[in-house]
Amino acid sequence: MSEVHKTSDQVEVELEEKEEVNLLDELGGPQGIADSSIPGLAFVIAYTVTGQKLELAAGIAVGLALLISLVRLIRGERARYAASGFLGVALAAFIATRTGKAEDFFLPGLLFNAGYALAYAISIAIRWPLMGVFIGPLIGEGMTWRSDPSRVKLFSRISWLWVGTFLLRLAVQLPLYLSGSLVALGVAKTAMGLPIFALAIYLSYLMLRAAGIDLKQKAAPESGTG
């Protein structure tokens, strides 16, 4: 069916899909979250099947992360996402091999979650909620939302949602890390990667829609209706 013959309902669906994808991309990209889980899972599997050979498992994880980053670059994805994924795995492997503790492979992720939770909480306290900083330009408001108390309140609520997301990961994964439960930790990190991220994105989207904020104006020029 050609673009000019699309019904209004079909165009509406396409625009809603575009706005959700745009929001996902602006907040880090779901593919990066999924890809970042693969080296960690590979590390746990390699460490287990090789008889706990830490350096070999770390090398496999780093090599896989490098391969994934190269593939993402070839696909034309943003370089910062590809690079950050590789550097995160490289840092995790470095720490684990330096300390000699396999569970330390997951330490950077725990620290990042704690840091993000703290940063978001501080941003709310100083009335510069980070979700407003991210979403404001995406909806065409820039930073003008700061002069609107209702906007500040909305973006603060969404930021609290993300604080809860990061703290939930810590609440589940930190005890596993402290107890040295490597396999369970690897499974938990994978399970709480993309699924939790996607849920938080979707809830953020619903909160924006409930407040009457719509990304269609950003997506409409791309819909190709003529």
N, C-alpha and C. Protein backbone atom coordinates (compact mmCIF):
# COMPACT_ATOMS: atom_id res chain seq x y z
N MET A 1 0.85 -1.20 0.00
CA MET A 1 0.00 0.00 0.00
C MET A 1 0.88 1.24 0.00
N SER A 2 0.60 2.21 -0.87
CA SER A 2 1.42 3.42 -0.94
C SER A 2 1.14 4.32 0.24
N GLU A 3 2.09 5.25 0.49
CA GLU A 3 1.96 6.15 1.62
C GLU A 3 0.70 7.01 1.50
N VAL A 4 0.34 7.45 0.28
CA VAL A 4 -0.78 8.38 0.12
C VAL A 4 -2.12 7.71 0.39
N HIS A 5 -2.17 6.38 0.37
CA HIS A 5 -3.43 5.67 0.58
C HIS A 5 -3.57 5.14 2.00
N LYS A 6 -2.65 5.48 2.87
CA LYS A 6 -2.75 5.00 4.25
C LYS A 6 -3.91 5.69 4.95
N THR A 7 -4.61 4.94 5.79
CA THR A 7 -5.69 5.53 6.57
C THR A 7 -5.12 6.32 7.72
N SER A 8 -5.96 7.16 8.32
CA SER A 8 -5.52 7.96 9.45
C SER A 8 -5.13 7.08 10.63
N ASP A 9 -5.84 5.94 10.80
CA ASP A 9 -5.50 5.03 11.90
C ASP A 9 -4.13 4.43 11.70
N GLN A 10 -3.79 4.07 10.46
CA GLN A 10 -2.47 3.49 10.19
C GLN A 10 -1.37 4.50 10.44
N VAL A 11 -1.60 5.74 10.02
CA VAL A 11 -0.61 6.79 10.26
C VAL A 11 -0.45 7.02 11.75
N GLU A 12 -1.56 6.99 12.48
CA GLU A 12 -1.52 7.19 13.93
C GLU A 12 -0.66 6.13 14.60
N VAL A 13 -0.85 4.87 14.19
CA VAL A 13 -0.06 3.78 14.77
C VAL A 13 1.41 3.97 14.47
N GLU A 14 1.74 4.35 13.22
CA GLU A 14 3.14 4.54 12.84
C GLU A 14 3.78 5.65 13.65
N LEU A 15 3.03 6.74 13.87
CA LEU A 15 3.58 7.86 14.62
C LEU A 15 3.83 7.47 16.07
N GLU A 16 2.91 6.70 16.65
CA GLU A 16 3.10 6.28 18.03
C GLU A 16 4.31 5.37 18.15
N GLU A 17 4.50 4.48 17.15
CA GLU A 17 5.68 3.61 17.17
C GLU A 17 6.95 4.44 17.06
N LYS A 18 6.93 5.46 16.21
CA LYS A 18 8.11 6.29 16.02
C LYS A 18 8.45 7.03 17.30
N GLU A 19 7.44 7.56 18.00
CA GLU A 19 7.74 8.35 19.18
C GLU A 19 8.30 7.47 20.30
N GLU A 20 7.80 6.22 20.41
CA GLU A 20 8.35 5.33 21.41
C GLU A 20 9.79 4.97 21.08
N VAL A 21 10.08 4.70 19.79
CA VAL A 21 11.43 4.36 19.38
C VAL A 21 12.36 5.53 19.61
N ASN A 22 11.91 6.76 19.28
CA ASN A 22 12.75 7.93 19.49
C ASN A 22 13.10 8.09 20.95
N LEU A 23 12.11 7.89 21.82
CA LEU A 23 12.37 8.02 23.25
C LEU A 23 13.34 6.95 23.71
N LEU A 24 13.19 5.73 23.23
CA LEU A 24 14.14 4.66 23.55
C LEU A 24 15.55 5.03 23.13
N ASP A 25 15.69 5.53 21.92
CA ASP A 25 17.01 5.87 21.39
C ASP A 25 17.65 6.99 22.18
N GLU A 26 16.87 8.01 22.51
CA GLU A 26 17.44 9.15 23.22
C GLU A 26 17.90 8.78 24.62
N LEU A 27 17.30 7.76 25.21
CA LEU A 27 17.66 7.38 26.58
C LEU A 27 18.66 6.24 26.63
N GLY A 28 19.32 5.97 25.52
CA GLY A 28 20.41 5.01 25.57
C GLY A 28 20.36 3.89 24.56
N GLY A 29 19.20 3.62 23.99
CA GLY A 29 19.14 2.60 22.96
C GLY A 29 18.95 1.21 23.53
N PRO A 30 17.84 0.55 23.24
CA PRO A 30 17.57 -0.78 23.77
C PRO A 30 18.55 -1.83 23.27
N GLN A 31 19.03 -1.67 22.03
CA GLN A 31 19.97 -2.65 21.49
C GLN A 31 21.24 -2.69 22.32
N GLY A 32 21.67 -1.53 22.80
CA GLY A 32 22.87 -1.49 23.63
C GLY A 32 22.69 -2.22 24.94
N ILE A 33 21.50 -2.10 25.52
CA ILE A 33 21.21 -2.81 26.77
C ILE A 33 21.24 -4.31 26.54
N ALA A 34 20.63 -4.75 25.45
CA ALA A 34 20.62 -6.18 25.14
C ALA A 34 22.03 -6.69 24.86
N ASP A 35 22.77 -5.93 24.05
CA ASP A 35 24.13 -6.35 23.70
C ASP A 35 25.05 -6.39 24.91
N SER A 36 24.83 -5.47 25.85
CA SER A 36 25.71 -5.43 27.02
C SER A 36 25.53 -6.64 27.92
N SER A 37 24.40 -7.31 27.81
CA SER A 37 24.14 -8.49 28.63
C SER A 37 24.85 -9.72 28.09
N ILE A 38 25.11 -9.74 26.79
CA ILE A 38 25.69 -10.93 26.17
C ILE A 38 27.10 -11.24 26.68
N PRO A 39 28.03 -10.26 26.74
CA PRO A 39 29.37 -10.58 27.25
C PRO A 39 29.35 -11.06 28.69
N GLY A 40 28.47 -10.48 29.51
CA GLY A 40 28.39 -10.91 30.91
C GLY A 40 27.93 -12.35 31.03
N LEU A 41 26.95 -12.70 30.23
CA LEU A 41 26.46 -14.08 30.24
C LEU A 41 27.53 -15.02 29.71
N ALA A 42 28.25 -14.58 28.68
CA ALA A 42 29.34 -15.39 28.13
C ALA A 42 30.45 -15.58 29.16
N PHE A 43 30.71 -14.54 29.94
CA PHE A 43 31.73 -14.63 30.99
C PHE A 43 31.37 -15.72 32.00
N VAL A 44 30.13 -15.70 32.46
CA VAL A 44 29.69 -16.69 33.46
C VAL A 44 29.78 -18.10 32.89
N ILE A 45 29.31 -18.28 31.67
CA ILE A 45 29.34 -19.61 31.04
C ILE A 45 30.78 -20.09 30.86
N ALA A 46 31.63 -19.20 30.33
CA ALA A 46 33.03 -19.57 30.09
C ALA A 46 33.75 -19.89 31.39
N TYR A 47 33.50 -19.09 32.41
CA TYR A 47 34.14 -19.30 33.71
C TYR A 47 33.74 -20.64 34.31
N THR A 48 32.48 -21.00 34.09
CA THR A 48 31.96 -22.25 34.65
C THR A 48 32.48 -23.47 33.90
N VAL A 49 32.43 -23.44 32.57
CA VAL A 49 32.78 -24.62 31.78
C VAL A 49 34.29 -24.82 31.65
N THR A 50 35.09 -23.78 31.89
CA THR A 50 36.55 -23.91 31.78
C THR A 50 37.20 -24.24 33.12
N GLY A 51 36.38 -24.54 34.11
CA GLY A 51 36.95 -24.86 35.41
C GLY A 51 37.45 -23.63 36.14
N GLN A 52 36.69 -22.54 36.04
CA GLN A 52 36.97 -21.29 36.74
C GLN A 52 38.29 -20.64 36.31
N LYS A 53 38.56 -20.65 35.02
CA LYS A 53 39.72 -19.95 34.49
C LYS A 53 39.32 -18.50 34.22
N LEU A 54 39.64 -17.65 35.18
CA LEU A 54 39.15 -16.28 35.18
C LEU A 54 39.65 -15.47 33.99
N GLU A 55 40.95 -15.53 33.73
CA GLU A 55 41.51 -14.71 32.65
C GLU A 55 40.97 -15.12 31.29
N LEU A 56 40.78 -16.42 31.09
CA LEU A 56 40.23 -16.90 29.83
C LEU A 56 38.79 -16.42 29.66
N ALA A 57 38.01 -16.53 30.71
CA ALA A 57 36.61 -16.09 30.66
C ALA A 57 36.52 -14.59 30.40
N ALA A 58 37.41 -13.84 31.06
CA ALA A 58 37.42 -12.39 30.86
C ALA A 58 37.81 -12.04 29.43
N GLY A 59 38.79 -12.77 28.89
CA GLY A 59 39.21 -12.54 27.51
C GLY A 59 38.10 -12.82 26.51
N ILE A 60 37.35 -13.88 26.76
CA ILE A 60 36.23 -14.22 25.88
C ILE A 60 35.17 -13.11 25.92
N ALA A 61 34.89 -12.61 27.12
CA ALA A 61 33.89 -11.55 27.26
C ALA A 61 34.32 -10.28 26.54
N VAL A 62 35.60 -9.91 26.69
CA VAL A 62 36.11 -8.70 26.03
C VAL A 62 36.09 -8.87 24.52
N GLY A 63 36.53 -10.04 24.05
CA GLY A 63 36.53 -10.29 22.61
C GLY A 63 35.13 -10.22 22.02
N LEU A 64 34.17 -10.78 22.74
CA LEU A 64 32.79 -10.76 22.28
C LEU A 64 32.24 -9.33 22.28
N ALA A 65 32.60 -8.57 23.31
CA ALA A 65 32.15 -7.17 23.39
C ALA A 65 32.72 -6.35 22.23
N LEU A 66 33.98 -6.62 21.89
CA LEU A 66 34.61 -5.92 20.77
C LEU A 66 33.90 -6.26 19.46
N LEU A 67 33.59 -7.54 19.28
CA LEU A 67 32.89 -7.97 18.07
C LEU A 67 31.52 -7.31 17.97
N ILE A 68 30.80 -7.27 19.07
CA ILE A 68 29.48 -6.65 19.08
C ILE A 68 29.57 -5.16 18.75
N SER A 69 30.58 -4.49 19.31
CA SER A 69 30.77 -3.06 19.05
C SER A 69 31.06 -2.81 17.58
N LEU A 70 31.90 -3.65 16.98
CA LEU A 70 32.22 -3.49 15.56
C LEU A 70 30.98 -3.71 14.69
N VAL A 71 30.18 -4.70 15.04
CA VAL A 71 28.96 -4.97 14.28
C VAL A 71 28.01 -3.78 14.38
N ARG A 72 27.91 -3.20 15.56
CA ARG A 72 27.02 -2.05 15.75
C ARG A 72 27.50 -0.85 14.93
N LEU A 73 28.81 -0.66 14.87
CA LEU A 73 29.35 0.43 14.06
C LEU A 73 29.08 0.20 12.58
N ILE A 74 29.24 -1.04 12.13
CA ILE A 74 28.97 -1.38 10.73
C ILE A 74 27.50 -1.14 10.40
N ARG A 75 26.63 -1.41 11.38
CA ARG A 75 25.19 -1.19 11.15
C ARG A 75 24.83 0.30 11.15
N GLY A 76 25.81 1.14 11.48
CA GLY A 76 25.56 2.57 11.45
C GLY A 76 25.01 3.13 12.74
N GLU A 77 25.12 2.39 13.85
CA GLU A 77 24.62 2.89 15.12
C GLU A 77 25.58 3.93 15.69
N ARG A 78 25.10 4.67 16.65
CA ARG A 78 25.89 5.75 17.22
C ARG A 78 27.16 5.21 17.87
N ALA A 79 28.26 5.88 17.57
CA ALA A 79 29.57 5.40 18.03
C ALA A 79 29.65 5.38 19.55
N ARG A 80 29.00 6.34 20.20
CA ARG A 80 29.12 6.40 21.66
C ARG A 80 28.49 5.20 22.34
N TYR A 81 27.42 4.66 21.75
CA TYR A 81 26.80 3.47 22.32
C TYR A 81 27.70 2.25 22.14
N ALA A 82 28.27 2.11 20.96
CA ALA A 82 29.15 0.97 20.68
C ALA A 82 30.39 1.02 21.56
N ALA A 83 30.98 2.22 21.68
CA ALA A 83 32.20 2.37 22.47
C ALA A 83 31.94 2.16 23.95
N SER A 84 30.83 2.71 24.46
CA SER A 84 30.55 2.59 25.89
C SER A 84 30.32 1.13 26.28
N GLY A 85 29.67 0.37 25.39
CA GLY A 85 29.45 -1.04 25.69
C GLY A 85 30.75 -1.81 25.80
N PHE A 86 31.66 -1.57 24.87
CA PHE A 86 32.95 -2.26 24.91
C PHE A 86 33.78 -1.84 26.11
N LEU A 87 33.83 -0.53 26.37
CA LEU A 87 34.63 -0.04 27.49
C LEU A 87 34.11 -0.54 28.83
N GLY A 88 32.79 -0.67 28.93
CA GLY A 88 32.21 -1.18 30.17
C GLY A 88 32.64 -2.62 30.44
N VAL A 89 32.63 -3.45 29.41
CA VAL A 89 33.05 -4.85 29.56
C VAL A 89 34.54 -4.92 29.82
N ALA A 90 35.33 -4.10 29.13
CA ALA A 90 36.78 -4.09 29.33
C ALA A 90 37.12 -3.71 30.76
N LEU A 91 36.41 -2.71 31.30
CA LEU A 91 36.64 -2.30 32.69
C LEU A 91 36.28 -3.42 33.65
N ALA A 92 35.15 -4.08 33.40
CA ALA A 92 34.72 -5.18 34.25
C ALA A 92 35.74 -6.31 34.24
N ALA A 93 36.24 -6.65 33.06
CA ALA A 93 37.24 -7.71 32.94
C ALA A 93 38.53 -7.33 33.64
N PHE A 94 38.94 -6.08 33.52
CA PHE A 94 40.17 -5.61 34.17
C PHE A 94 40.07 -5.73 35.68
N ILE A 95 38.95 -5.29 36.24
CA ILE A 95 38.78 -5.34 37.69
C ILE A 95 38.76 -6.79 38.18
N ALA A 96 38.03 -7.65 37.48
CA ALA A 96 37.94 -9.05 37.90
C ALA A 96 39.29 -9.75 37.87
N THR A 97 40.07 -9.51 36.82
CA THR A 97 41.38 -10.16 36.72
C THR A 97 42.37 -9.58 37.71
N ARG A 98 42.21 -8.31 38.06
CA ARG A 98 43.10 -7.69 39.04
C ARG A 98 42.83 -8.20 40.46
N THR A 99 41.56 -8.36 40.80
CA THR A 99 41.21 -8.80 42.15
C THR A 99 41.22 -10.32 42.28
N GLY A 100 41.09 -11.01 41.13
CA GLY A 100 41.04 -12.47 41.17
C GLY A 100 39.69 -13.02 41.59
N LYS A 101 38.67 -12.16 41.63
CA LYS A 101 37.33 -12.58 42.03
C LYS A 101 36.38 -12.46 40.84
N ALA A 102 35.80 -13.57 40.44
CA ALA A 102 34.94 -13.57 39.26
C ALA A 102 33.74 -12.65 39.43
N GLU A 103 33.20 -12.58 40.65
CA GLU A 103 32.02 -11.75 40.87
C GLU A 103 32.31 -10.26 40.65
N ASP A 104 33.59 -9.88 40.74
CA ASP A 104 33.94 -8.47 40.52
C ASP A 104 33.76 -8.04 39.07
N PHE A 105 33.53 -8.99 38.19
CA PHE A 105 33.19 -8.64 36.81
C PHE A 105 31.92 -7.80 36.77
N PHE A 106 31.05 -8.02 37.75
CA PHE A 106 29.77 -7.30 37.79
C PHE A 106 29.81 -6.08 38.70
N LEU A 107 30.95 -5.81 39.32
CA LEU A 107 31.06 -4.66 40.22
C LEU A 107 30.81 -3.33 39.52
N PRO A 108 31.40 -3.07 38.34
CA PRO A 108 31.13 -1.78 37.68
C PRO A 108 29.65 -1.54 37.44
N GLY A 109 28.92 -2.58 37.06
CA GLY A 109 27.49 -2.42 36.83
C GLY A 109 26.75 -2.00 38.09
N LEU A 110 27.13 -2.59 39.21
CA LEU A 110 26.52 -2.23 40.49
C LEU A 110 26.84 -0.78 40.84
N LEU A 111 28.09 -0.39 40.63
CA LEU A 111 28.49 0.99 40.93
C LEU A 111 27.78 1.98 40.01
N PHE A 112 27.63 1.61 38.75
CA PHE A 112 26.93 2.50 37.81
C PHE A 112 25.48 2.69 38.23
N ASN A 113 24.83 1.61 38.64
CA ASN A 113 23.44 1.73 39.08
C ASN A 113 23.32 2.60 40.31
N ALA A 114 24.25 2.43 41.25
CA ALA A 114 24.24 3.28 42.45
C ALA A 114 24.49 4.74 42.08
N GLY A 115 25.44 4.95 41.18
CA GLY A 115 25.76 6.31 40.75
C GLY A 115 24.60 6.98 40.03
N TYR A 116 23.94 6.23 39.15
CA TYR A 116 22.80 6.78 38.43
C TYR A 116 21.66 7.11 39.39
N ALA A 117 21.39 6.21 40.33
CA ALA A 117 20.33 6.46 41.30
C ALA A 117 20.61 7.73 42.09
N LEU A 118 21.87 7.90 42.51
CA LEU A 118 22.25 9.09 43.28
C LEU A 118 22.14 10.34 42.42
N ALA A 119 22.62 10.27 41.18
CA ALA A 119 22.59 11.43 40.29
C ALA A 119 21.15 11.87 40.02
N TYR A 120 20.28 10.90 39.75
CA TYR A 120 18.88 11.24 39.49
C TYR A 120 18.23 11.85 40.73
N ALA A 121 18.51 11.28 41.91
CA ALA A 121 17.93 11.80 43.14
C ALA A 121 18.41 13.23 43.42
N ILE A 122 19.69 13.48 43.21
CA ILE A 122 20.23 14.83 43.41
C ILE A 122 19.60 15.80 42.43
N SER A 123 19.44 15.37 41.18
CA SER A 123 18.86 16.26 40.17
C SER A 123 17.43 16.66 40.54
N ILE A 124 16.71 15.75 41.16
CA ILE A 124 15.35 16.06 41.61
C ILE A 124 15.40 17.06 42.75
N ALA A 125 16.33 16.85 43.67
CA ALA A 125 16.45 17.73 44.84
C ALA A 125 16.77 19.17 44.45
N ILE A 126 17.56 19.35 43.41
CA ILE A 126 17.94 20.71 42.99
C ILE A 126 17.03 21.23 41.88
N ARG A 127 15.93 20.51 41.63
CA ARG A 127 14.91 20.94 40.66
C ARG A 127 15.46 21.00 39.23
N TRP A 128 16.37 20.11 38.94
CA TRP A 128 16.86 19.90 37.58
C TRP A 128 16.73 18.42 37.25
N PRO A 129 15.51 17.85 37.36
CA PRO A 129 15.35 16.40 37.13
C PRO A 129 15.94 15.98 35.79
N LEU A 130 16.77 14.97 35.82
CA LEU A 130 17.49 14.56 34.62
C LEU A 130 16.57 14.13 33.48
N MET A 131 15.43 13.56 33.81
CA MET A 131 14.53 13.17 32.73
C MET A 131 14.01 14.38 31.98
N GLY A 132 13.92 15.51 32.65
CA GLY A 132 13.55 16.74 31.96
C GLY A 132 14.65 17.20 31.03
N VAL A 133 15.88 17.05 31.48
CA VAL A 133 17.03 17.43 30.65
C VAL A 133 17.07 16.58 29.38
N PHE A 134 16.74 15.28 29.52
CA PHE A 134 16.76 14.37 28.37
C PHE A 134 15.54 14.57 27.46
N ILE A 135 14.37 14.68 28.08
CA ILE A 135 13.13 14.69 27.31
C ILE A 135 12.78 16.07 26.78
N GLY A 136 13.14 17.12 27.51
CA GLY A 136 12.81 18.48 27.08
C GLY A 136 13.16 18.78 25.63
N PRO A 137 14.42 18.56 25.23
CA PRO A 137 14.77 18.80 23.82
C PRO A 137 14.03 17.87 22.87
N LEU A 138 13.72 16.66 23.33
CA LEU A 138 13.06 15.68 22.47
C LEU A 138 11.64 16.10 22.13
N ILE A 139 10.98 16.83 23.04
CA ILE A 139 9.60 17.26 22.79
C ILE A 139 9.54 18.71 22.34
N GLY A 140 10.70 19.28 22.02
CA GLY A 140 10.73 20.62 21.47
C GLY A 140 10.67 21.74 22.48
N GLU A 141 10.87 21.43 23.78
CA GLU A 141 10.80 22.45 24.82
C GLU A 141 12.17 22.93 25.28
N GLY A 142 13.22 22.24 24.87
CA GLY A 142 14.54 22.61 25.35
C GLY A 142 14.58 22.55 26.87
N MET A 143 15.01 23.65 27.50
CA MET A 143 15.02 23.74 28.96
C MET A 143 13.96 24.71 29.48
N THR A 144 13.05 25.14 28.60
CA THR A 144 12.02 26.09 29.03
C THR A 144 11.05 25.48 30.03
N TRP A 145 11.00 24.15 30.09
CA TRP A 145 10.11 23.48 31.03
C TRP A 145 10.42 23.84 32.48
N ARG A 146 11.62 24.32 32.75
CA ARG A 146 12.00 24.63 34.13
C ARG A 146 11.20 25.80 34.70
N SER A 147 10.64 26.62 33.84
CA SER A 147 9.83 27.75 34.30
C SER A 147 8.37 27.36 34.55
N ASP A 148 8.05 26.10 34.28
CA ASP A 148 6.69 25.59 34.46
C ASP A 148 6.69 24.59 35.62
N PRO A 149 6.14 24.96 36.79
CA PRO A 149 6.15 24.06 37.95
C PRO A 149 5.53 22.70 37.67
N SER A 150 4.49 22.67 36.82
CA SER A 150 3.86 21.38 36.53
C SER A 150 4.79 20.47 35.74
N ARG A 151 5.59 21.07 34.85
CA ARG A 151 6.56 20.29 34.09
C ARG A 151 7.67 19.77 35.02
N VAL A 152 8.15 20.63 35.90
CA VAL A 152 9.19 20.20 36.83
C VAL A 152 8.69 19.04 37.68
N LYS A 153 7.44 19.13 38.12
CA LYS A 153 6.86 18.06 38.93
C LYS A 153 6.75 16.77 38.13
N LEU A 154 6.31 16.89 36.88
CA LEU A 154 6.17 15.71 36.03
C LEU A 154 7.51 15.03 35.79
N PHE A 155 8.51 15.81 35.39
CA PHE A 155 9.81 15.22 35.11
C PHE A 155 10.48 14.70 36.39
N SER A 156 10.12 15.28 37.52
CA SER A 156 10.63 14.75 38.79
C SER A 156 10.03 13.38 39.08
N ARG A 157 8.73 13.24 38.81
CA ARG A 157 8.09 11.93 39.02
C ARG A 157 8.69 10.87 38.11
N ILE A 158 8.93 11.24 36.86
CA ILE A 158 9.53 10.28 35.93
C ILE A 158 10.95 9.94 36.38
N SER A 159 11.67 10.93 36.87
CA SER A 159 13.03 10.68 37.36
C SER A 159 13.01 9.76 38.57
N TRP A 160 12.01 9.92 39.45
CA TRP A 160 11.89 9.01 40.59
C TRP A 160 11.64 7.58 40.11
N LEU A 161 10.89 7.44 39.03
CA LEU A 161 10.68 6.10 38.45
C LEU A 161 12.02 5.46 38.10
N TRP A 162 12.92 6.25 37.53
CA TRP A 162 14.22 5.72 37.16
C TRP A 162 15.11 5.47 38.37
N VAL A 163 14.98 6.30 39.39
CA VAL A 163 15.70 6.03 40.64
C VAL A 163 15.28 4.66 41.17
N GLY A 164 13.97 4.41 41.15
CA GLY A 164 13.47 3.11 41.60
C GLY A 164 13.98 1.96 40.76
N THR A 165 14.11 2.20 39.45
CA THR A 165 14.63 1.16 38.55
C THR A 165 16.05 0.77 38.93
N PHE A 166 16.89 1.78 39.14
CA PHE A 166 18.29 1.50 39.49
C PHE A 166 18.40 0.85 40.86
N LEU A 167 17.58 1.31 41.81
CA LEU A 167 17.63 0.74 43.16
C LEU A 167 17.10 -0.70 43.17
N LEU A 168 16.13 -0.99 42.32
CA LEU A 168 15.61 -2.36 42.24
C LEU A 168 16.71 -3.31 41.77
N ARG A 169 17.47 -2.88 40.78
CA ARG A 169 18.59 -3.71 40.32
C ARG A 169 19.58 -3.94 41.45
N LEU A 170 19.88 -2.89 42.18
CA LEU A 170 20.83 -3.03 43.30
C LEU A 170 20.28 -3.96 44.37
N ALA A 171 19.00 -3.83 44.67
CA ALA A 171 18.39 -4.63 45.73
C ALA A 171 18.47 -6.12 45.43
N VAL A 172 18.37 -6.48 44.16
CA VAL A 172 18.42 -7.89 43.76
C VAL A 172 19.85 -8.36 43.58
N GLN A 173 20.67 -7.55 42.91
CA GLN A 173 22.00 -8.00 42.50
C GLN A 173 23.07 -7.84 43.57
N LEU A 174 22.96 -6.83 44.42
CA LEU A 174 24.00 -6.62 45.43
C LEU A 174 24.14 -7.79 46.40
N PRO A 175 23.03 -8.33 46.95
CA PRO A 175 23.18 -9.50 47.83
C PRO A 175 23.83 -10.69 47.12
N LEU A 176 23.51 -10.88 45.85
CA LEU A 176 24.13 -11.98 45.09
C LEU A 176 25.62 -11.75 44.92
N TYR A 177 25.99 -10.50 44.69
CA TYR A 177 27.41 -10.16 44.55
C TYR A 177 28.15 -10.39 45.87
N LEU A 178 27.57 -9.94 46.96
CA LEU A 178 28.22 -10.08 48.26
C LEU A 178 28.35 -11.53 48.70
N SER A 179 27.41 -12.37 48.24
CA SER A 179 27.47 -13.79 48.61
C SER A 179 28.30 -14.61 47.63
N GLY A 180 28.77 -13.97 46.56
CA GLY A 180 29.59 -14.67 45.58
C GLY A 180 28.82 -15.63 44.70
N SER A 181 27.52 -15.39 44.57
CA SER A 181 26.67 -16.27 43.74
C SER A 181 26.78 -15.84 42.28
N LEU A 182 27.84 -16.28 41.62
CA LEU A 182 28.17 -15.78 40.29
C LEU A 182 27.10 -16.11 39.25
N VAL A 183 26.67 -17.36 39.20
CA VAL A 183 25.70 -17.76 38.18
C VAL A 183 24.38 -17.01 38.38
N ALA A 184 23.90 -16.97 39.61
CA ALA A 184 22.66 -16.26 39.90
C ALA A 184 22.79 -14.78 39.58
N LEU A 185 23.96 -14.22 39.86
CA LEU A 185 24.20 -12.80 39.57
C LEU A 185 24.16 -12.54 38.07
N GLY A 186 24.78 -13.43 37.30
CA GLY A 186 24.77 -13.28 35.85
C GLY A 186 23.37 -13.37 35.28
N VAL A 187 22.59 -14.31 35.80
CA VAL A 187 21.21 -14.47 35.34
C VAL A 187 20.38 -13.24 35.71
N ALA A 188 20.56 -12.76 36.95
CA ALA A 188 19.80 -11.60 37.41
C ALA A 188 20.13 -10.36 36.59
N LYS A 189 21.41 -10.17 36.29
CA LYS A 189 21.81 -9.00 35.49
C LYS A 189 21.20 -9.05 34.10
N THR A 190 21.19 -10.24 33.51
CA THR A 190 20.60 -10.39 32.18
C THR A 190 19.10 -10.15 32.21
N ALA A 191 18.44 -10.76 33.19
CA ALA A 191 16.98 -10.64 33.30
C ALA A 191 16.54 -9.22 33.63
N MET A 192 17.39 -8.47 34.33
CA MET A 192 17.03 -7.11 34.73
C MET A 192 17.67 -6.06 33.83
N GLY A 193 18.14 -6.50 32.67
CA GLY A 193 18.72 -5.55 31.72
C GLY A 193 17.64 -4.95 30.84
N LEU A 194 17.51 -5.47 29.64
CA LEU A 194 16.54 -4.92 28.68
C LEU A 194 15.09 -4.96 29.18
N PRO A 195 14.61 -6.04 29.81
CA PRO A 195 13.21 -6.04 30.24
C PRO A 195 12.87 -4.90 31.20
N ILE A 196 13.72 -4.68 32.21
CA ILE A 196 13.45 -3.61 33.16
C ILE A 196 13.59 -2.25 32.49
N PHE A 197 14.60 -2.11 31.64
CA PHE A 197 14.81 -0.86 30.91
C PHE A 197 13.59 -0.54 30.04
N ALA A 198 13.11 -1.52 29.31
CA ALA A 198 11.96 -1.31 28.43
C ALA A 198 10.71 -0.96 29.23
N LEU A 199 10.52 -1.60 30.37
CA LEU A 199 9.36 -1.30 31.21
C LEU A 199 9.42 0.13 31.73
N ALA A 200 10.60 0.56 32.17
CA ALA A 200 10.76 1.93 32.66
C ALA A 200 10.50 2.95 31.55
N ILE A 201 10.98 2.64 30.35
CA ILE A 201 10.73 3.51 29.20
C ILE A 201 9.23 3.60 28.92
N TYR A 202 8.57 2.47 28.94
CA TYR A 202 7.13 2.45 28.63
C TYR A 202 6.34 3.22 29.67
N LEU A 203 6.66 3.04 30.94
CA LEU A 203 5.97 3.77 32.00
C LEU A 203 6.24 5.26 31.90
N SER A 204 7.47 5.63 31.54
CA SER A 204 7.79 7.04 31.33
C SER A 204 6.93 7.61 30.20
N TYR A 205 6.81 6.84 29.14
CA TYR A 205 6.00 7.24 27.99
C TYR A 205 4.54 7.44 28.39
N LEU A 206 4.00 6.53 29.19
CA LEU A 206 2.62 6.65 29.63
C LEU A 206 2.42 7.88 30.50
N MET A 207 3.40 8.19 31.35
CA MET A 207 3.30 9.37 32.19
C MET A 207 3.32 10.65 31.35
N LEU A 208 4.11 10.65 30.30
CA LEU A 208 4.12 11.80 29.39
C LEU A 208 2.78 11.95 28.69
N ARG A 209 2.24 10.84 28.21
CA ARG A 209 0.96 10.89 27.50
C ARG A 209 -0.15 11.35 28.43
N ALA A 210 -0.14 10.87 29.68
CA ALA A 210 -1.16 11.26 30.65
C ALA A 210 -1.13 12.75 30.94
N ALA A 211 0.07 13.35 30.81
CA ALA A 211 0.22 14.78 31.05
C ALA A 211 -0.04 15.60 29.79
N GLY A 212 -0.43 14.93 28.71
CA GLY A 212 -0.74 15.63 27.48
C GLY A 212 0.46 15.95 26.63
N ILE A 213 1.61 15.33 26.94
CA ILE A 213 2.82 15.56 26.16
C ILE A 213 2.91 14.48 25.09
N ASP A 214 3.15 14.91 23.88
CA ASP A 214 3.10 14.02 22.72
C ASP A 214 4.33 14.24 21.86
N LEU A 215 4.91 13.18 21.39
CA LEU A 215 6.08 13.30 20.52
C LEU A 215 5.72 13.26 19.04
N LYS A 216 4.45 13.24 18.71
CA LYS A 216 4.04 13.13 17.31
C LYS A 216 4.58 14.26 16.46
N GLN A 217 4.66 15.46 17.06
CA GLN A 217 5.15 16.60 16.29
C GLN A 217 6.60 16.40 15.86
N LYS A 218 7.35 15.65 16.65
CA LYS A 218 8.73 15.34 16.28
C LYS A 218 8.78 14.25 15.23
N ALA A 219 7.83 13.31 15.30
CA ALA A 219 7.86 12.17 14.38
C ALA A 219 7.15 12.45 13.07
N ALA A 220 6.19 13.38 13.07
CA ALA A 220 5.35 13.59 11.89
C ALA A 220 6.11 13.89 10.61
N PRO A 221 7.18 14.72 10.60
CA PRO A 221 7.89 14.99 9.36
C PRO A 221 8.51 13.76 8.74
N GLU A 222 8.70 12.69 9.53
CA GLU A 222 9.35 11.49 9.03
C GLU A 222 8.34 10.48 8.49
N SER A 223 7.03 10.78 8.61
CA SER A 223 6.03 9.76 8.30
C SER A 223 5.82 9.55 6.82
N GLY A 224 6.27 10.49 6.00
CA GLY A 224 6.22 10.31 4.55
C GLY A 224 4.83 10.14 4.00
N THR A 225 3.89 11.00 4.42
CA THR A 225 2.51 10.86 3.98
C THR A 225 2.28 11.42 2.60
N GLY A 226 3.25 12.09 1.96
CA GLY A 226 3.01 12.65 0.64
C GLY A 226 3.96 12.12 -0.37
